Full PDB file with SEQRES, HELIX, SHEET, SSBOND, CRYST1, ORIGX, SCALE, CONECT and MASTER records, all heavy atoms in Angstrom:
SEQRES   1 A   40  GLU ILE LEU ARG VAL GLN LYS ASP TYR PHE GLU SER LEU          
SEQRES   2 A   40  THR SER ILE LYS ASP SER PHE MET PRO ILE THR THR ASN          
SEQRES   3 A   40  GLY ASP VAL ASP LYS LEU LEU HIS ASN GLY TYR ILE THR          
SEQRES   4 A   40  LYS                                                          
HELIX    1 AA1 ILE A    2  SER A   15  1                                  14    
HELIX    2 AA2 LYS A   17  SER A   19  5                                   3    
HELIX    3 AA3 ASN A   26  HIS A   34  1                                   9    
CRYST1    1.000    1.000    1.000  90.00  90.00  90.00 P 1           1          
ORIGX1      1.000000  0.000000  0.000000        0.00000                         
ORIGX2      0.000000  1.000000  0.000000        0.00000                         
ORIGX3      0.000000  0.000000  1.000000        0.00000                         
SCALE1      1.000000  0.000000  0.000000        0.00000                         
SCALE2      0.000000  1.000000  0.000000        0.00000                         
SCALE3      0.000000  0.000000  1.000000        0.00000                         
ATOM      1  N   GLU A   1     -36.114  11.701 105.991  1.00  0.00           N  
ATOM      2  CA  GLU A   1     -36.986  12.757 106.543  1.00  0.00           C  
ATOM      3  C   GLU A   1     -36.437  14.162 106.258  1.00  0.00           C  
ATOM      4  O   GLU A   1     -37.232  15.060 105.904  1.00  0.00           O  
ATOM      5  CB  GLU A   1     -37.222  12.563 108.034  1.00  0.00           C  
ATOM      6  CG  GLU A   1     -38.003  13.689 108.700  1.00  0.00           C  
ATOM      7  CD  GLU A   1     -39.443  13.783 108.185  1.00  0.00           C  
ATOM      8  OE1 GLU A   1     -39.931  12.818 107.580  1.00  0.00           O  
ATOM      9  OE2 GLU A   1     -40.103  14.844 108.454  1.00  0.00           O  
ATOM     10  N   ILE A   2     -35.107  14.299 106.304  1.00  0.00           N  
ATOM     11  CA  ILE A   2     -34.526  15.620 105.944  1.00  0.00           C  
ATOM     12  C   ILE A   2     -34.786  15.891 104.465  1.00  0.00           C  
ATOM     13  O   ILE A   2     -35.116  17.029 104.094  1.00  0.00           O  
ATOM     14  CB  ILE A   2     -32.996  15.649 106.256  1.00  0.00           C  
ATOM     15  CG1 ILE A   2     -32.798  15.472 107.776  1.00  0.00           C  
ATOM     16  CG2 ILE A   2     -32.338  16.814 105.650  1.00  0.00           C  
ATOM     17  CD1 ILE A   2     -31.298  15.319 108.134  1.00  0.00           C  
ATOM     18  N   LEU A   3     -34.665  14.879 103.630  1.00  0.00           N  
ATOM     19  CA  LEU A   3     -34.909  15.048 102.233  1.00  0.00           C  
ATOM     20  C   LEU A   3     -36.400  15.484 101.972  1.00  0.00           C  
ATOM     21  O   LEU A   3     -36.697  16.247 101.059  1.00  0.00           O  
ATOM     22  CB  LEU A   3     -34.556  13.802 101.483  1.00  0.00           C  
ATOM     23  CG  LEU A   3     -33.082  13.529 101.287  1.00  0.00           C  
ATOM     24  CD1 LEU A   3     -32.884  12.115 100.717  1.00  0.00           C  
ATOM     25  CD2 LEU A   3     -32.366  14.627 100.434  1.00  0.00           C  
ATOM     26  N   ARG A   4     -37.326  14.822 102.735  1.00  0.00           N  
ATOM     27  CA  ARG A   4     -38.719  15.139 102.584  1.00  0.00           C  
ATOM     28  C   ARG A   4     -38.989  16.644 102.840  1.00  0.00           C  
ATOM     29  O   ARG A   4     -39.718  17.311 102.140  1.00  0.00           O  
ATOM     30  CB  ARG A   4     -39.577  14.235 103.406  1.00  0.00           C  
ATOM     31  CG  ARG A   4     -41.073  14.414 103.245  1.00  0.00           C  
ATOM     32  CD  ARG A   4     -41.919  13.843 104.351  1.00  0.00           C  
ATOM     33  NE  ARG A   4     -41.624  14.516 105.574  1.00  0.00           N  
ATOM     34  CZ  ARG A   4     -42.165  15.706 105.944  1.00  0.00           C  
ATOM     35  NH1 ARG A   4     -42.955  16.288 105.106  1.00  0.00           N  
ATOM     36  NH2 ARG A   4     -41.869  16.288 107.153  1.00  0.00           N  
ATOM     37  N   VAL A   5     -38.386  17.133 104.008  1.00  0.00           N  
ATOM     38  CA  VAL A   5     -38.597  18.475 104.365  1.00  0.00           C  
ATOM     39  C   VAL A   5     -38.043  19.378 103.238  1.00  0.00           C  
ATOM     40  O   VAL A   5     -38.629  20.465 102.925  1.00  0.00           O  
ATOM     41  CB  VAL A   5     -37.872  18.816 105.712  1.00  0.00           C  
ATOM     42  CG1 VAL A   5     -37.911  20.241 106.001  1.00  0.00           C  
ATOM     43  CG2 VAL A   5     -38.536  17.982 106.814  1.00  0.00           C  
ATOM     44  N   GLN A   6     -36.906  19.013 102.667  1.00  0.00           N  
ATOM     45  CA  GLN A   6     -36.244  19.800 101.600  1.00  0.00           C  
ATOM     46  C   GLN A   6     -37.180  19.781 100.422  1.00  0.00           C  
ATOM     47  O   GLN A   6     -37.306  20.861  99.730  1.00  0.00           O  
ATOM     48  CB  GLN A   6     -34.856  19.284 101.334  1.00  0.00           C  
ATOM     49  CG  GLN A   6     -34.022  20.253 100.505  1.00  0.00           C  
ATOM     50  CD  GLN A   6     -33.701  21.408 101.293  1.00  0.00           C  
ATOM     51  OE1 GLN A   6     -32.946  21.441 102.291  1.00  0.00           O  
ATOM     52  NE2 GLN A   6     -34.222  22.582 100.933  1.00  0.00           N  
ATOM     53  N   LYS A   7     -37.709  18.643 100.062  1.00  0.00           N  
ATOM     54  CA  LYS A   7     -38.580  18.569  98.891  1.00  0.00           C  
ATOM     55  C   LYS A   7     -39.807  19.387  99.040  1.00  0.00           C  
ATOM     56  O   LYS A   7     -40.309  20.054  98.182  1.00  0.00           O  
ATOM     57  CB  LYS A   7     -38.981  17.142  98.674  1.00  0.00           C  
ATOM     58  CG  LYS A   7     -39.842  16.872  97.499  1.00  0.00           C  
ATOM     59  CD  LYS A   7     -40.226  15.370  97.281  1.00  0.00           C  
ATOM     60  CE  LYS A   7     -41.131  15.197  96.079  1.00  0.00           C  
ATOM     61  NZ  LYS A   7     -41.583  13.814  95.967  1.00  0.00           N  
ATOM     62  N   ASP A   8     -40.342  19.413 100.326  1.00  0.00           N  
ATOM     63  CA  ASP A   8     -41.512  20.293 100.636  1.00  0.00           C  
ATOM     64  C   ASP A   8     -41.192  21.732 100.403  1.00  0.00           C  
ATOM     65  O   ASP A   8     -42.064  22.549  99.917  1.00  0.00           O  
ATOM     66  CB  ASP A   8     -41.943  20.069 102.077  1.00  0.00           C  
ATOM     67  CG  ASP A   8     -42.665  18.734 102.270  1.00  0.00           C  
ATOM     68  OD1 ASP A   8     -42.997  18.036 101.254  1.00  0.00           O  
ATOM     69  OD2 ASP A   8     -42.869  18.409 103.511  1.00  0.00           O  
ATOM     70  N   TYR A   9     -39.995  22.070 100.710  1.00  0.00           N  
ATOM     71  CA  TYR A   9     -39.512  23.505 100.499  1.00  0.00           C  
ATOM     72  C   TYR A   9     -39.520  23.859  99.048  1.00  0.00           C  
ATOM     73  O   TYR A   9     -40.065  24.964  98.584  1.00  0.00           O  
ATOM     74  CB  TYR A   9     -38.133  23.758 101.101  1.00  0.00           C  
ATOM     75  CG  TYR A   9     -37.661  25.151 100.834  1.00  0.00           C  
ATOM     76  CD1 TYR A   9     -38.331  26.285 101.468  1.00  0.00           C  
ATOM     77  CD2 TYR A   9     -36.568  25.453 100.135  1.00  0.00           C  
ATOM     78  CE1 TYR A   9     -37.781  27.603 101.275  1.00  0.00           C  
ATOM     79  CE2 TYR A   9     -36.045  26.718  99.874  1.00  0.00           C  
ATOM     80  CZ  TYR A   9     -36.687  27.770 100.466  1.00  0.00           C  
ATOM     81  OH  TYR A   9     -36.293  29.078 100.291  1.00  0.00           O  
ATOM     82  N   PHE A  10     -38.944  23.028  98.203  1.00  0.00           N  
ATOM     83  CA  PHE A  10     -39.022  23.298  96.776  1.00  0.00           C  
ATOM     84  C   PHE A  10     -40.394  23.381  96.173  1.00  0.00           C  
ATOM     85  O   PHE A  10     -40.732  24.226  95.383  1.00  0.00           O  
ATOM     86  CB  PHE A  10     -38.200  22.204  96.003  1.00  0.00           C  
ATOM     87  CG  PHE A  10     -36.764  22.059  96.343  1.00  0.00           C  
ATOM     88  CD1 PHE A  10     -36.099  20.880  96.505  1.00  0.00           C  
ATOM     89  CD2 PHE A  10     -36.024  23.222  96.529  1.00  0.00           C  
ATOM     90  CE1 PHE A  10     -34.782  20.788  96.748  1.00  0.00           C  
ATOM     91  CE2 PHE A  10     -34.698  23.179  96.852  1.00  0.00           C  
ATOM     92  CZ  PHE A  10     -34.036  21.940  97.048  1.00  0.00           C  
ATOM     93  N   GLU A  11     -41.281  22.510  96.672  1.00  0.00           N  
ATOM     94  CA  GLU A  11     -42.672  22.507  96.188  1.00  0.00           C  
ATOM     95  C   GLU A  11     -43.391  23.755  96.747  1.00  0.00           C  
ATOM     96  O   GLU A  11     -44.243  24.310  96.049  1.00  0.00           O  
ATOM     97  CB  GLU A  11     -43.408  21.294  96.730  1.00  0.00           C  
ATOM     98  CG  GLU A  11     -42.913  19.965  96.004  1.00  0.00           C  
ATOM     99  CD  GLU A  11     -43.590  18.759  96.533  1.00  0.00           C  
ATOM    100  OE1 GLU A  11     -44.272  18.836  97.622  1.00  0.00           O  
ATOM    101  OE2 GLU A  11     -43.360  17.674  95.915  1.00  0.00           O  
ATOM    102  N   SER A  12     -43.026  24.244  97.943  1.00  0.00           N  
ATOM    103  CA  SER A  12     -43.619  25.503  98.429  1.00  0.00           C  
ATOM    104  C   SER A  12     -43.176  26.665  97.484  1.00  0.00           C  
ATOM    105  O   SER A  12     -44.019  27.577  97.297  1.00  0.00           O  
ATOM    106  CB  SER A  12     -43.115  25.719  99.878  1.00  0.00           C  
ATOM    107  OG  SER A  12     -43.634  24.739 100.714  1.00  0.00           O  
ATOM    108  N   LEU A  13     -41.899  26.644  97.086  1.00  0.00           N  
ATOM    109  CA  LEU A  13     -41.493  27.724  96.202  1.00  0.00           C  
ATOM    110  C   LEU A  13     -42.264  27.729  94.946  1.00  0.00           C  
ATOM    111  O   LEU A  13     -42.719  28.864  94.463  1.00  0.00           O  
ATOM    112  CB  LEU A  13     -40.045  27.616  95.855  1.00  0.00           C  
ATOM    113  CG  LEU A  13     -39.005  27.825  97.037  1.00  0.00           C  
ATOM    114  CD1 LEU A  13     -37.591  27.599  96.563  1.00  0.00           C  
ATOM    115  CD2 LEU A  13     -39.215  29.239  97.616  1.00  0.00           C  
ATOM    116  N   THR A  14     -42.500  26.591  94.348  1.00  0.00           N  
ATOM    117  CA  THR A  14     -43.236  26.552  93.022  1.00  0.00           C  
ATOM    118  C   THR A  14     -44.689  26.944  93.228  1.00  0.00           C  
ATOM    119  O   THR A  14     -45.418  27.337  92.216  1.00  0.00           O  
ATOM    120  CB  THR A  14     -43.089  25.176  92.375  1.00  0.00           C  
ATOM    121  OG1 THR A  14     -43.682  24.198  93.288  1.00  0.00           O  
ATOM    122  CG2 THR A  14     -41.648  24.872  92.131  1.00  0.00           C  
ATOM    123  N   SER A  15     -45.150  26.793  94.446  1.00  0.00           N  
ATOM    124  CA  SER A  15     -46.597  26.991  94.668  1.00  0.00           C  
ATOM    125  C   SER A  15     -47.011  28.487  94.771  1.00  0.00           C  
ATOM    126  O   SER A  15     -48.155  28.805  94.811  1.00  0.00           O  
ATOM    127  CB  SER A  15     -47.129  26.226  95.869  1.00  0.00           C  
ATOM    128  OG  SER A  15     -46.613  26.818  97.080  1.00  0.00           O  
ATOM    129  N   ILE A  16     -45.970  29.320  94.930  1.00  0.00           N  
ATOM    130  CA  ILE A  16     -46.315  30.762  95.111  1.00  0.00           C  
ATOM    131  C   ILE A  16     -46.661  31.482  93.892  1.00  0.00           C  
ATOM    132  O   ILE A  16     -46.932  32.657  93.881  1.00  0.00           O  
ATOM    133  CB  ILE A  16     -45.229  31.467  96.053  1.00  0.00           C  
ATOM    134  CG1 ILE A  16     -43.874  31.327  95.324  1.00  0.00           C  
ATOM    135  CG2 ILE A  16     -45.137  30.937  97.362  1.00  0.00           C  
ATOM    136  CD1 ILE A  16     -42.696  32.001  96.110  1.00  0.00           C  
ATOM    137  N   LYS A  17     -46.575  30.865  92.803  1.00  0.00           N  
ATOM    138  CA  LYS A  17     -47.152  31.214  91.460  1.00  0.00           C  
ATOM    139  C   LYS A  17     -46.704  32.592  91.108  1.00  0.00           C  
ATOM    140  O   LYS A  17     -45.711  32.728  90.372  1.00  0.00           O  
ATOM    141  CB  LYS A  17     -48.655  31.156  91.553  1.00  0.00           C  
ATOM    142  CG  LYS A  17     -49.149  29.683  91.688  1.00  0.00           C  
ATOM    143  CD  LYS A  17     -50.711  29.597  91.636  1.00  0.00           C  
ATOM    144  CE  LYS A  17     -51.140  28.164  91.778  1.00  0.00           C  
ATOM    145  NZ  LYS A  17     -52.624  27.973  91.749  1.00  0.00           N  
ATOM    146  N   ASP A  18     -47.330  33.662  91.427  1.00  0.00           N  
ATOM    147  CA  ASP A  18     -47.000  34.996  90.882  1.00  0.00           C  
ATOM    148  C   ASP A  18     -45.668  35.472  91.416  1.00  0.00           C  
ATOM    149  O   ASP A  18     -45.218  36.580  90.958  1.00  0.00           O  
ATOM    150  CB  ASP A  18     -48.110  35.984  91.098  1.00  0.00           C  
ATOM    151  CG  ASP A  18     -48.496  36.140  92.582  1.00  0.00           C  
ATOM    152  OD1 ASP A  18     -47.942  35.488  93.438  1.00  0.00           O  
ATOM    153  OD2 ASP A  18     -49.374  37.063  92.899  1.00  0.00           O  
ATOM    154  N   SER A  19     -45.016  34.904  92.370  1.00  0.00           N  
ATOM    155  CA  SER A  19     -43.714  35.217  92.857  1.00  0.00           C  
ATOM    156  C   SER A  19     -42.697  34.210  92.406  1.00  0.00           C  
ATOM    157  O   SER A  19     -41.514  34.278  92.911  1.00  0.00           O  
ATOM    158  CB  SER A  19     -43.724  35.434  94.386  1.00  0.00           C  
ATOM    159  OG  SER A  19     -44.499  36.520  94.821  1.00  0.00           O  
ATOM    160  N   PHE A  20     -43.075  33.317  91.533  1.00  0.00           N  
ATOM    161  CA  PHE A  20     -42.201  32.326  91.022  1.00  0.00           C  
ATOM    162  C   PHE A  20     -42.257  32.311  89.500  1.00  0.00           C  
ATOM    163  O   PHE A  20     -43.344  32.105  88.916  1.00  0.00           O  
ATOM    164  CB  PHE A  20     -42.736  30.946  91.576  1.00  0.00           C  
ATOM    165  CG  PHE A  20     -41.811  29.789  91.128  1.00  0.00           C  
ATOM    166  CD1 PHE A  20     -40.738  29.399  91.869  1.00  0.00           C  
ATOM    167  CD2 PHE A  20     -42.093  29.041  90.053  1.00  0.00           C  
ATOM    168  CE1 PHE A  20     -39.970  28.330  91.516  1.00  0.00           C  
ATOM    169  CE2 PHE A  20     -41.340  27.909  89.661  1.00  0.00           C  
ATOM    170  CZ  PHE A  20     -40.252  27.583  90.383  1.00  0.00           C  
ATOM    171  N   MET A  21     -41.147  32.533  88.819  1.00  0.00           N  
ATOM    172  CA  MET A  21     -41.097  32.599  87.406  1.00  0.00           C  
ATOM    173  C   MET A  21     -40.216  31.610  86.751  1.00  0.00           C  
ATOM    174  O   MET A  21     -38.908  31.839  86.890  1.00  0.00           O  
ATOM    175  CB  MET A  21     -40.751  34.091  86.999  1.00  0.00           C  
ATOM    176  CG  MET A  21     -40.649  34.284  85.511  1.00  0.00           C  
ATOM    177  SD  MET A  21     -39.998  35.903  85.055  1.00  0.00           S  
ATOM    178  CE  MET A  21     -41.303  36.931  85.586  1.00  0.00           C  
ATOM    179  N   PRO A  22     -40.630  30.656  86.019  1.00  0.00           N  
ATOM    180  CA  PRO A  22     -39.714  29.767  85.326  1.00  0.00           C  
ATOM    181  C   PRO A  22     -39.150  30.564  84.193  1.00  0.00           C  
ATOM    182  O   PRO A  22     -39.847  31.317  83.463  1.00  0.00           O  
ATOM    183  CB  PRO A  22     -40.692  28.733  84.722  1.00  0.00           C  
ATOM    184  CG  PRO A  22     -41.868  28.728  85.588  1.00  0.00           C  
ATOM    185  CD  PRO A  22     -42.059  30.168  86.010  1.00  0.00           C  
ATOM    186  N   ILE A  23     -37.805  30.376  83.955  1.00  0.00           N  
ATOM    187  CA  ILE A  23     -37.095  31.078  82.901  1.00  0.00           C  
ATOM    188  C   ILE A  23     -36.784  29.997  81.780  1.00  0.00           C  
ATOM    189  O   ILE A  23     -35.991  29.067  82.119  1.00  0.00           O  
ATOM    190  CB  ILE A  23     -35.742  31.646  83.478  1.00  0.00           C  
ATOM    191  CG1 ILE A  23     -36.092  32.678  84.577  1.00  0.00           C  
ATOM    192  CG2 ILE A  23     -35.057  32.444  82.299  1.00  0.00           C  
ATOM    193  CD1 ILE A  23     -36.983  33.832  84.165  1.00  0.00           C  
ATOM    194  N   THR A  24     -37.316  30.188  80.690  1.00  0.00           N  
ATOM    195  CA  THR A  24     -37.194  29.115  79.623  1.00  0.00           C  
ATOM    196  C   THR A  24     -36.552  29.621  78.328  1.00  0.00           C  
ATOM    197  O   THR A  24     -36.113  28.790  77.521  1.00  0.00           O  
ATOM    198  CB  THR A  24     -38.608  28.515  79.287  1.00  0.00           C  
ATOM    199  OG1 THR A  24     -39.451  29.525  78.786  1.00  0.00           O  
ATOM    200  CG2 THR A  24     -39.211  27.810  80.528  1.00  0.00           C  
ATOM    201  N   THR A  25     -36.492  30.915  78.266  1.00  0.00           N  
ATOM    202  CA  THR A  25     -35.865  31.477  77.049  1.00  0.00           C  
ATOM    203  C   THR A  25     -35.034  32.715  77.353  1.00  0.00           C  
ATOM    204  O   THR A  25     -35.234  33.319  78.384  1.00  0.00           O  
ATOM    205  CB  THR A  25     -36.909  31.836  75.943  1.00  0.00           C  
ATOM    206  OG1 THR A  25     -37.686  33.000  76.475  1.00  0.00           O  
ATOM    207  CG2 THR A  25     -37.857  30.691  75.638  1.00  0.00           C  
ATOM    208  N   ASN A  26     -34.253  33.118  76.413  1.00  0.00           N  
ATOM    209  CA  ASN A  26     -33.493  34.428  76.564  1.00  0.00           C  
ATOM    210  C   ASN A  26     -34.463  35.573  76.696  1.00  0.00           C  
ATOM    211  O   ASN A  26     -34.200  36.531  77.382  1.00  0.00           O  
ATOM    212  CB  ASN A  26     -32.531  34.620  75.440  1.00  0.00           C  
ATOM    213  CG  ASN A  26     -31.142  33.905  75.682  1.00  0.00           C  
ATOM    214  OD1 ASN A  26     -30.786  33.808  76.872  1.00  0.00           O  
ATOM    215  ND2 ASN A  26     -30.505  33.510  74.631  1.00  0.00           N  
ATOM    216  N   GLY A  27     -35.604  35.397  75.968  1.00  0.00           N  
ATOM    217  CA  GLY A  27     -36.605  36.450  76.099  1.00  0.00           C  
ATOM    218  C   GLY A  27     -37.094  36.731  77.547  1.00  0.00           C  
ATOM    219  O   GLY A  27     -37.366  37.857  77.879  1.00  0.00           O  
ATOM    220  N   ASP A  28     -37.241  35.657  78.336  1.00  0.00           N  
ATOM    221  CA  ASP A  28     -37.597  35.786  79.745  1.00  0.00           C  
ATOM    222  C   ASP A  28     -36.536  36.608  80.497  1.00  0.00           C  
ATOM    223  O   ASP A  28     -36.859  37.443  81.322  1.00  0.00           O  
ATOM    224  CB  ASP A  28     -37.779  34.459  80.328  1.00  0.00           C  
ATOM    225  CG  ASP A  28     -38.889  33.668  79.815  1.00  0.00           C  
ATOM    226  OD1 ASP A  28     -39.869  34.212  79.349  1.00  0.00           O  
ATOM    227  OD2 ASP A  28     -38.814  32.384  79.773  1.00  0.00           O  
ATOM    228  N   VAL A  29     -35.257  36.353  80.200  1.00  0.00           N  
ATOM    229  CA  VAL A  29     -34.137  37.140  80.833  1.00  0.00           C  
ATOM    230  C   VAL A  29     -34.174  38.496  80.348  1.00  0.00           C  
ATOM    231  O   VAL A  29     -34.016  39.480  81.183  1.00  0.00           O  
ATOM    232  CB  VAL A  29     -32.844  36.452  80.581  1.00  0.00           C  
ATOM    233  CG1 VAL A  29     -31.731  37.102  81.318  1.00  0.00           C  
ATOM    234  CG2 VAL A  29     -32.822  34.950  80.949  1.00  0.00           C  
ATOM    235  N   ASP A  30     -34.385  38.793  79.111  1.00  0.00           N  
ATOM    236  CA  ASP A  30     -34.482  40.121  78.568  1.00  0.00           C  
ATOM    237  C   ASP A  30     -35.587  40.922  79.229  1.00  0.00           C  
ATOM    238  O   ASP A  30     -35.451  42.098  79.506  1.00  0.00           O  
ATOM    239  CB  ASP A  30     -34.686  40.091  77.070  1.00  0.00           C  
ATOM    240  CG  ASP A  30     -33.461  39.599  76.286  1.00  0.00           C  
ATOM    241  OD1 ASP A  30     -32.386  39.682  76.841  1.00  0.00           O  
ATOM    242  OD2 ASP A  30     -33.684  39.104  75.137  1.00  0.00           O  
ATOM    243  N   LYS A  31     -36.736  40.192  79.464  1.00  0.00           N  
ATOM    244  CA  LYS A  31     -37.832  40.865  80.113  1.00  0.00           C  
ATOM    245  C   LYS A  31     -37.505  41.386  81.530  1.00  0.00           C  
ATOM    246  O   LYS A  31     -37.895  42.483  81.878  1.00  0.00           O  
ATOM    247  CB  LYS A  31     -39.034  39.932  80.104  1.00  0.00           C  
ATOM    248  CG  LYS A  31     -40.370  40.592  80.566  1.00  0.00           C  
ATOM    249  CD  LYS A  31     -41.505  39.647  80.493  1.00  0.00           C  
ATOM    250  CE  LYS A  31     -42.874  40.273  80.834  1.00  0.00           C  
ATOM    251  NZ  LYS A  31     -43.943  39.284  80.687  1.00  0.00           N  
ATOM    252  N   LEU A  32     -36.762  40.573  82.244  1.00  0.00           N  
ATOM    253  CA  LEU A  32     -36.354  40.966  83.628  1.00  0.00           C  
ATOM    254  C   LEU A  32     -35.353  42.125  83.481  1.00  0.00           C  
ATOM    255  O   LEU A  32     -35.404  43.065  84.338  1.00  0.00           O  
ATOM    256  CB  LEU A  32     -35.599  39.768  84.287  1.00  0.00           C  
ATOM    257  CG  LEU A  32     -36.446  38.549  84.718  1.00  0.00           C  
ATOM    258  CD1 LEU A  32     -35.593  37.401  85.135  1.00  0.00           C  
ATOM    259  CD2 LEU A  32     -37.444  39.011  85.864  1.00  0.00           C  
ATOM    260  N   LEU A  33     -34.485  42.129  82.461  1.00  0.00           N  
ATOM    261  CA  LEU A  33     -33.551  43.258  82.237  1.00  0.00           C  
ATOM    262  C   LEU A  33     -34.240  44.554  81.949  1.00  0.00           C  
ATOM    263  O   LEU A  33     -34.017  45.578  82.589  1.00  0.00           O  
ATOM    264  CB  LEU A  33     -32.565  42.888  81.145  1.00  0.00           C  
ATOM    265  CG  LEU A  33     -31.507  43.988  80.741  1.00  0.00           C  
ATOM    266  CD1 LEU A  33     -30.524  44.170  81.894  1.00  0.00           C  
ATOM    267  CD2 LEU A  33     -30.813  43.615  79.498  1.00  0.00           C  
ATOM    268  N   HIS A  34     -35.200  44.475  80.962  1.00  0.00           N  
ATOM    269  CA  HIS A  34     -35.889  45.645  80.530  1.00  0.00           C  
ATOM    270  C   HIS A  34     -36.795  46.251  81.567  1.00  0.00           C  
ATOM    271  O   HIS A  34     -37.065  47.455  81.537  1.00  0.00           O  
ATOM    272  CB  HIS A  34     -36.626  45.349  79.280  1.00  0.00           C  
ATOM    273  CG  HIS A  34     -35.761  44.976  78.104  1.00  0.00           C  
ATOM    274  ND1 HIS A  34     -36.178  44.128  77.098  1.00  0.00           N  
ATOM    275  CD2 HIS A  34     -34.505  45.324  77.810  1.00  0.00           C  
ATOM    276  CE1 HIS A  34     -35.208  43.957  76.249  1.00  0.00           C  
ATOM    277  NE2 HIS A  34     -34.155  44.601  76.693  1.00  0.00           N  
ATOM    278  N   ASN A  35     -37.219  45.470  82.559  1.00  0.00           N  
ATOM    279  CA  ASN A  35     -38.052  45.948  83.582  1.00  0.00           C  
ATOM    280  C   ASN A  35     -37.297  46.302  84.957  1.00  0.00           C  
ATOM    281  O   ASN A  35     -37.881  46.495  85.916  1.00  0.00           O  
ATOM    282  CB  ASN A  35     -39.197  44.906  83.947  1.00  0.00           C  
ATOM    283  CG  ASN A  35     -40.249  45.020  82.805  1.00  0.00           C  
ATOM    284  OD1 ASN A  35     -41.126  45.835  82.791  1.00  0.00           O  
ATOM    285  ND2 ASN A  35     -40.199  44.000  81.868  1.00  0.00           N  
ATOM    286  N   GLY A  36     -36.057  46.222  84.831  1.00  0.00           N  
ATOM    287  CA  GLY A  36     -35.202  46.594  86.014  1.00  0.00           C  
ATOM    288  C   GLY A  36     -34.967  45.729  87.063  1.00  0.00           C  
ATOM    289  O   GLY A  36     -34.428  46.076  88.101  1.00  0.00           O  
ATOM    290  N   TYR A  37     -35.338  44.438  86.971  1.00  0.00           N  
ATOM    291  CA  TYR A  37     -35.209  43.478  87.948  1.00  0.00           C  
ATOM    292  C   TYR A  37     -33.684  42.982  88.078  1.00  0.00           C  
ATOM    293  O   TYR A  37     -33.236  42.557  89.097  1.00  0.00           O  
ATOM    294  CB  TYR A  37     -36.079  42.280  87.779  1.00  0.00           C  
ATOM    295  CG  TYR A  37     -37.564  42.587  88.030  1.00  0.00           C  
ATOM    296  CD1 TYR A  37     -38.402  42.903  87.056  1.00  0.00           C  
ATOM    297  CD2 TYR A  37     -38.052  42.561  89.322  1.00  0.00           C  
ATOM    298  CE1 TYR A  37     -39.741  43.243  87.282  1.00  0.00           C  
ATOM    299  CE2 TYR A  37     -39.445  42.862  89.612  1.00  0.00           C  
ATOM    300  CZ  TYR A  37     -40.246  43.225  88.516  1.00  0.00           C  
ATOM    301  OH  TYR A  37     -41.543  43.491  88.713  1.00  0.00           O  
ATOM    302  N   ILE A  38     -33.002  42.952  86.946  1.00  0.00           N  
ATOM    303  CA  ILE A  38     -31.619  42.611  86.856  1.00  0.00           C  
ATOM    304  C   ILE A  38     -30.909  43.639  86.033  1.00  0.00           C  
ATOM    305  O   ILE A  38     -31.626  44.391  85.313  1.00  0.00           O  
ATOM    306  CB  ILE A  38     -31.385  41.192  86.265  1.00  0.00           C  
ATOM    307  CG1 ILE A  38     -32.053  41.110  84.916  1.00  0.00           C  
ATOM    308  CG2 ILE A  38     -32.019  40.079  87.187  1.00  0.00           C  
ATOM    309  CD1 ILE A  38     -31.772  39.743  84.146  1.00  0.00           C  
ATOM    310  N   THR A  39     -29.608  43.690  86.065  1.00  0.00           N  
ATOM    311  CA  THR A  39     -28.750  44.596  85.315  1.00  0.00           C  
ATOM    312  C   THR A  39     -27.637  43.814  84.755  1.00  0.00           C  
ATOM    313  O   THR A  39     -27.337  42.679  85.218  1.00  0.00           O  
ATOM    314  CB  THR A  39     -28.304  45.824  86.123  1.00  0.00           C  
ATOM    315  OG1 THR A  39     -27.409  45.296  87.234  1.00  0.00           O  
ATOM    316  CG2 THR A  39     -29.335  46.583  86.649  1.00  0.00           C  
ATOM    317  N   LYS A  40     -26.944  44.408  83.799  1.00  0.00           N  
ATOM    318  CA  LYS A  40     -25.650  43.870  83.266  1.00  0.00           C  
ATOM    319  C   LYS A  40     -24.554  44.146  84.331  1.00  0.00           C  
ATOM    320  O   LYS A  40     -24.630  45.165  85.023  1.00  0.00           O  
ATOM    321  CB  LYS A  40     -25.358  44.346  81.941  1.00  0.00           C  
ATOM    322  CG  LYS A  40     -26.208  43.911  80.806  1.00  0.00           C  
ATOM    323  CD  LYS A  40     -25.772  44.315  79.455  1.00  0.00           C  
ATOM    324  CE  LYS A  40     -26.646  43.746  78.409  1.00  0.00           C  
ATOM    325  NZ  LYS A  40     -26.134  43.985  76.957  1.00  0.00           N  
TER     326      LYS A  40                                                      
MASTER        0    0    0    3    0    0    0    6  325    1    0    4          
END                                                                             
């Protein structure tokens, strides 16, 4: 049951869509850098 609650949390994160960004390439990381969300 604890694992089910935890799984629900992960699924809730993925469901928020425009506040959830999969990072699949270095280009995605570069985009975060160039827009000021992260720094070196």
